[in-house]
């Protein structure tokens, strides 16, 4: 099979897997978004997924994403797609990301909120976007600063900052289970955190959790967005230096 056929087959399998996970959890499959993660893969793969009906894509490296999105947009200027930034973001990349991202899943510091608020305001003023940037706060489940995420005792303060920034919209939470941890236990804990968070922020309905190897656990514990790359596109190619 060619690349398009391979991706079509993989997408069908992942969709079936996600649907089965939702049924097993007593949830409507329409309530859980499949977010194809296209980082490290070429723009041509994005177009294949687009032709197969995908309209939302996740990227994690600003420079790669900006170039890929520019190429995609030049070929399909009227494509109705939404781009998600799911990886760690440095503040000096906020201006670029505010130009193309519809949502960012990895906000974890006051300084990043400030940078994104300013950059998004400029992007709106300059006509590069028309809507606020959707923000998901990345929660630390292990308090390891090397892995990103806001500590739980700082979550409310960060949420308040986002809500007071007119160019940003608080959309929900995101988390990645700590390395070597039990995914089921971590997603169960995250669900409790999200339920409590929504009591204070009822519009923050989104929970970005679960990837190729653990999406069933995530769906069982309330994920509204699973980020899947390997199961769709294969092992990532070696990144060029």
Protein backbone atom coordinates (compact mmCIF):
# COMPACT_ATOMS: atom_id res chain seq x y z
CA UNK A 1 0.00 0.00 0.00
CA UNK A 2 1.01 3.60 -0.53
CA UNK A 3 1.24 6.24 2.17
CA UNK A 4 -2.35 7.42 1.73
CA UNK A 5 -3.69 3.88 2.00
CA UNK A 6 -1.58 3.20 5.09
CA UNK A 7 -2.86 6.31 6.83
CA UNK A 8 -6.47 5.61 5.83
CA UNK A 9 -6.24 2.12 7.31
CA UNK A 10 -4.62 3.40 10.50
CA UNK A 11 -7.19 6.17 10.89
CA UNK A 12 -10.06 3.71 10.53
CA UNK A 13 -8.49 1.48 13.19
CA UNK A 14 -7.97 4.36 15.62
CA UNK A 15 -11.51 5.64 15.09
CA UNK A 16 -12.87 2.18 15.81
CA UNK A 17 -10.67 1.88 18.87
CA UNK A 18 -11.84 5.25 20.16
CA UNK A 19 -15.48 4.42 19.48
CA UNK A 20 -15.14 1.13 21.35
CA UNK A 21 -13.50 2.90 24.28
CA UNK A 22 -16.38 5.37 24.45
CA UNK A 23 -19.01 2.62 24.32
CA UNK A 24 -17.20 0.70 27.07
CA UNK A 25 -17.16 3.85 29.20
CA UNK A 26 -20.82 4.61 28.54
CA UNK A 27 -19.97 7.76 26.64
CA UNK A 28 -21.06 9.22 23.32
CA UNK A 29 -18.17 8.94 20.82
CA UNK A 30 -19.09 12.41 19.57
CA UNK A 31 -18.00 13.81 22.93
CA UNK A 32 -14.35 12.75 22.52
CA UNK A 33 -12.22 14.43 19.89
CA UNK A 34 -9.49 12.56 18.05
CA UNK A 35 -6.58 14.96 17.61
CA UNK A 36 -4.06 13.67 15.06
CA UNK A 37 -0.56 14.66 16.15
CA UNK A 38 1.43 15.48 13.03
CA UNK A 39 4.65 16.71 14.62
CA UNK A 40 7.77 15.37 12.89
CA UNK A 41 5.70 14.34 9.87
CA UNK A 42 5.48 16.17 6.52
CA UNK A 43 2.77 18.51 5.35
CA UNK A 44 1.74 15.87 2.82
CA UNK A 45 0.56 13.64 5.69
CA UNK A 46 -1.59 16.49 6.99
CA UNK A 47 -3.23 16.78 3.58
CA UNK A 48 -3.88 13.04 3.49
CA UNK A 49 -5.57 13.22 6.88
CA UNK A 50 -7.52 16.28 5.75
CA UNK A 51 -8.78 14.39 2.71
CA UNK A 52 -9.87 11.61 5.08
CA UNK A 53 -12.02 14.06 7.04
CA UNK A 54 -9.71 15.27 9.81
CA UNK A 55 -10.03 18.95 10.60
CA UNK A 56 -7.98 19.36 13.78
CA UNK A 57 -4.23 18.79 14.05
CA UNK A 58 -1.70 18.89 16.87
CA UNK A 59 1.83 20.23 16.61
CA UNK A 60 4.48 20.65 19.29
CA UNK A 61 7.43 22.54 17.79
CA UNK A 62 6.78 26.13 16.78
CA UNK A 63 9.29 26.42 13.95
CA UNK A 64 8.27 23.15 12.31
CA UNK A 65 4.59 23.91 12.75
CA UNK A 66 4.77 27.43 11.32
CA UNK A 67 6.50 26.23 8.17
CA UNK A 68 4.15 23.27 7.75
CA UNK A 69 1.04 25.36 8.27
CA UNK A 70 2.21 28.01 5.81
CA UNK A 71 2.73 25.31 3.18
CA UNK A 72 -0.62 23.67 3.90
CA UNK A 73 -2.45 27.00 3.79
CA UNK A 74 -0.81 27.98 0.50
CA UNK A 75 -2.13 24.79 -1.08
CA UNK A 76 -5.54 24.76 0.62
CA UNK A 77 -6.28 28.40 1.51
CA UNK A 78 -9.94 27.74 2.26
CA UNK A 79 -9.43 24.61 4.36
CA UNK A 80 -11.57 24.60 7.50
CA UNK A 81 -8.91 23.37 9.92
CA UNK A 82 -7.94 24.12 13.51
CA UNK A 83 -4.37 23.88 14.74
CA UNK A 84 -3.46 22.92 18.29
CA UNK A 85 -0.13 23.64 19.97
CA UNK A 86 0.37 20.72 22.34
CA UNK A 87 4.08 20.94 23.21
CA UNK A 88 6.13 23.07 25.55
CA UNK A 89 6.20 26.66 24.38
CA UNK A 90 8.88 29.23 25.08
CA UNK A 91 7.66 32.76 25.66
CA UNK A 92 9.66 34.12 22.72
CA UNK A 93 7.63 31.88 20.40
CA UNK A 94 4.28 33.27 21.54
CA UNK A 95 4.05 35.80 18.71
CA UNK A 96 4.37 33.14 16.04
CA UNK A 97 2.00 30.68 17.71
CA UNK A 98 -0.64 33.37 18.22
CA UNK A 99 -0.70 33.79 14.45
CA UNK A 100 -1.81 30.23 13.67
CA UNK A 101 -2.93 28.34 16.78
CA UNK A 102 -6.60 27.99 17.63
CA UNK A 103 -5.79 26.31 20.94
CA UNK A 104 -2.75 25.70 23.10
CA UNK A 105 -2.72 22.76 25.51
CA UNK A 106 0.49 23.43 27.42
CA UNK A 107 0.12 26.72 29.29
CA UNK A 108 1.78 26.39 32.67
CA UNK A 109 3.18 29.73 33.84
CA UNK A 110 2.08 33.32 34.47
CA UNK A 111 4.78 34.68 32.18
CA UNK A 112 3.58 32.50 29.32
CA UNK A 113 0.00 33.68 29.86
CA UNK A 114 1.19 37.28 29.70
CA UNK A 115 3.17 36.65 26.52
CA UNK A 116 0.30 34.84 24.83
CA UNK A 117 -2.18 37.52 25.84
CA UNK A 118 -0.04 40.27 24.32
CA UNK A 119 0.76 38.27 21.19
CA UNK A 120 -2.85 37.27 20.58
CA UNK A 121 -4.05 40.84 21.03
CA UNK A 122 -1.54 41.97 18.40
CA UNK A 123 -2.56 39.15 16.06
CA UNK A 124 -6.21 40.17 16.36
CA UNK A 125 -5.41 43.85 15.85
CA UNK A 126 -3.35 43.03 12.75
CA UNK A 127 -6.07 40.84 11.26
CA UNK A 128 -4.12 37.59 11.59
CA UNK A 129 -6.89 36.02 13.65
CA UNK A 130 -10.44 36.91 14.63
CA UNK A 131 -11.03 34.87 17.79
CA UNK A 132 -9.40 34.65 21.22
CA UNK A 133 -6.85 31.88 21.74
CA UNK A 134 -8.24 28.86 23.56
CA UNK A 135 -6.05 27.93 26.53
CA UNK A 136 -5.77 24.63 28.34
CA UNK A 137 -3.70 24.68 31.50
CA UNK A 138 -1.18 21.87 31.73
CA UNK A 139 -1.39 20.30 35.18
CA UNK A 140 1.66 18.73 36.78
CA UNK A 141 0.84 15.32 38.23
CA UNK A 142 4.29 14.80 39.74
CA UNK A 143 5.59 18.33 40.49
CA UNK A 144 8.61 17.72 38.26
CA UNK A 145 9.53 21.13 36.77
CA UNK A 146 11.51 19.42 34.01
CA UNK A 147 8.34 17.90 32.54
CA UNK A 148 6.18 21.01 32.51
CA UNK A 149 2.86 21.67 34.13
CA UNK A 150 1.56 24.00 36.81
CA UNK A 151 1.58 22.68 40.40
CA UNK A 152 -1.90 22.11 41.75
CA UNK A 153 -1.51 24.77 44.43
CA UNK A 154 -0.88 27.37 41.71
CA UNK A 155 -3.63 26.27 39.33
CA UNK A 156 -6.34 28.66 40.51
CA UNK A 157 -4.10 31.70 40.32
CA UNK A 158 -3.11 30.83 36.76
CA UNK A 159 -6.73 30.23 35.77
CA UNK A 160 -7.70 33.62 37.14
CA UNK A 161 -4.97 35.26 35.10
CA UNK A 162 -6.22 33.62 31.89
CA UNK A 163 -9.81 34.61 32.63
CA UNK A 164 -8.76 38.22 33.14
CA UNK A 165 -6.97 38.32 29.76
CA UNK A 166 -9.46 39.32 27.08
CA UNK A 167 -7.52 37.77 24.20
CA UNK A 168 -7.54 34.34 25.86
CA UNK A 169 -10.31 31.87 26.67
CA UNK A 170 -9.97 29.28 29.43
CA UNK A 171 -10.91 26.03 27.72
CA UNK A 172 -9.87 23.31 30.17
CA UNK A 173 -6.97 21.23 31.43
CA UNK A 174 -4.28 18.99 29.97
CA UNK A 175 -1.92 16.50 31.58
CA UNK A 176 0.56 13.77 30.75
CA UNK A 177 1.01 10.88 33.21
CA UNK A 178 4.45 10.84 34.84
CA UNK A 179 6.96 8.47 33.28
CA UNK A 180 6.67 5.00 34.73
CA UNK A 181 3.37 5.71 36.49
CA UNK A 182 0.13 3.77 36.20
CA UNK A 183 -1.94 5.57 33.56
CA UNK A 184 -5.26 4.38 34.97
CA UNK A 185 -4.47 5.82 38.38
CA UNK A 186 -3.20 9.10 36.97
CA UNK A 187 -6.20 9.66 34.69
CA UNK A 188 -8.57 8.86 37.54
CA UNK A 189 -6.80 11.48 39.63
CA UNK A 190 -6.89 13.97 36.77
CA UNK A 191 -10.64 13.46 36.39
CA UNK A 192 -11.14 14.43 40.04
CA UNK A 193 -8.98 17.52 39.53
CA UNK A 194 -10.94 18.51 36.43
CA UNK A 195 -14.33 17.97 38.09
CA UNK A 196 -13.29 20.22 40.96
CA UNK A 197 -11.85 22.78 38.56
CA UNK A 198 -15.11 22.93 36.58
CA UNK A 199 -17.07 23.74 39.73
CA UNK A 200 -15.20 27.05 39.77
CA UNK A 201 -14.76 27.40 36.00
CA UNK A 202 -17.84 25.83 34.38
CA UNK A 203 -16.83 26.79 30.85
CA UNK A 204 -13.51 24.92 31.12
CA UNK A 205 -15.11 21.74 29.82
CA UNK A 206 -12.19 20.29 27.89
CA UNK A 207 -9.81 17.66 29.22
CA UNK A 208 -6.89 16.85 26.93
CA UNK A 209 -5.51 13.50 28.05
CA UNK A 210 -4.58 10.18 26.53
CA UNK A 211 -2.32 9.20 23.67
CA UNK A 212 -1.71 6.14 21.50
CA UNK A 213 -0.84 3.77 24.32
CA UNK A 214 -3.38 4.82 26.94
CA UNK A 215 -6.37 6.40 25.23
CA UNK A 216 -8.80 3.81 26.63
CA UNK A 217 -7.83 4.73 30.20
CA UNK A 218 -8.19 8.42 29.40
CA UNK A 219 -11.63 8.02 27.83
CA UNK A 220 -12.79 6.02 30.82
CA UNK A 221 -11.86 8.95 33.03
CA UNK A 222 -13.40 11.82 31.13
CA UNK A 223 -10.99 12.84 28.39
CA UNK A 224 -12.57 15.04 25.74
CA UNK A 225 -9.50 15.03 23.48
CA UNK A 226 -7.04 12.21 22.83
CA UNK A 227 -3.77 13.15 21.14
CA UNK A 228 -2.76 10.35 18.77
CA UNK A 229 0.33 10.29 16.58
CA UNK A 230 2.11 6.94 16.43
CA UNK A 231 -1.03 4.86 15.85
CA UNK A 232 -1.92 7.06 12.88
CA UNK A 233 1.39 7.90 11.25
CA UNK A 234 3.83 5.35 12.62
CA UNK A 235 7.05 5.83 14.52
CA UNK A 236 8.30 9.33 14.07
CA UNK A 237 11.13 9.83 11.58
CA UNK A 238 14.53 10.87 12.86
CA UNK A 239 14.42 14.64 13.26
CA UNK A 240 16.86 16.49 11.05
CA UNK A 241 19.45 18.62 12.80
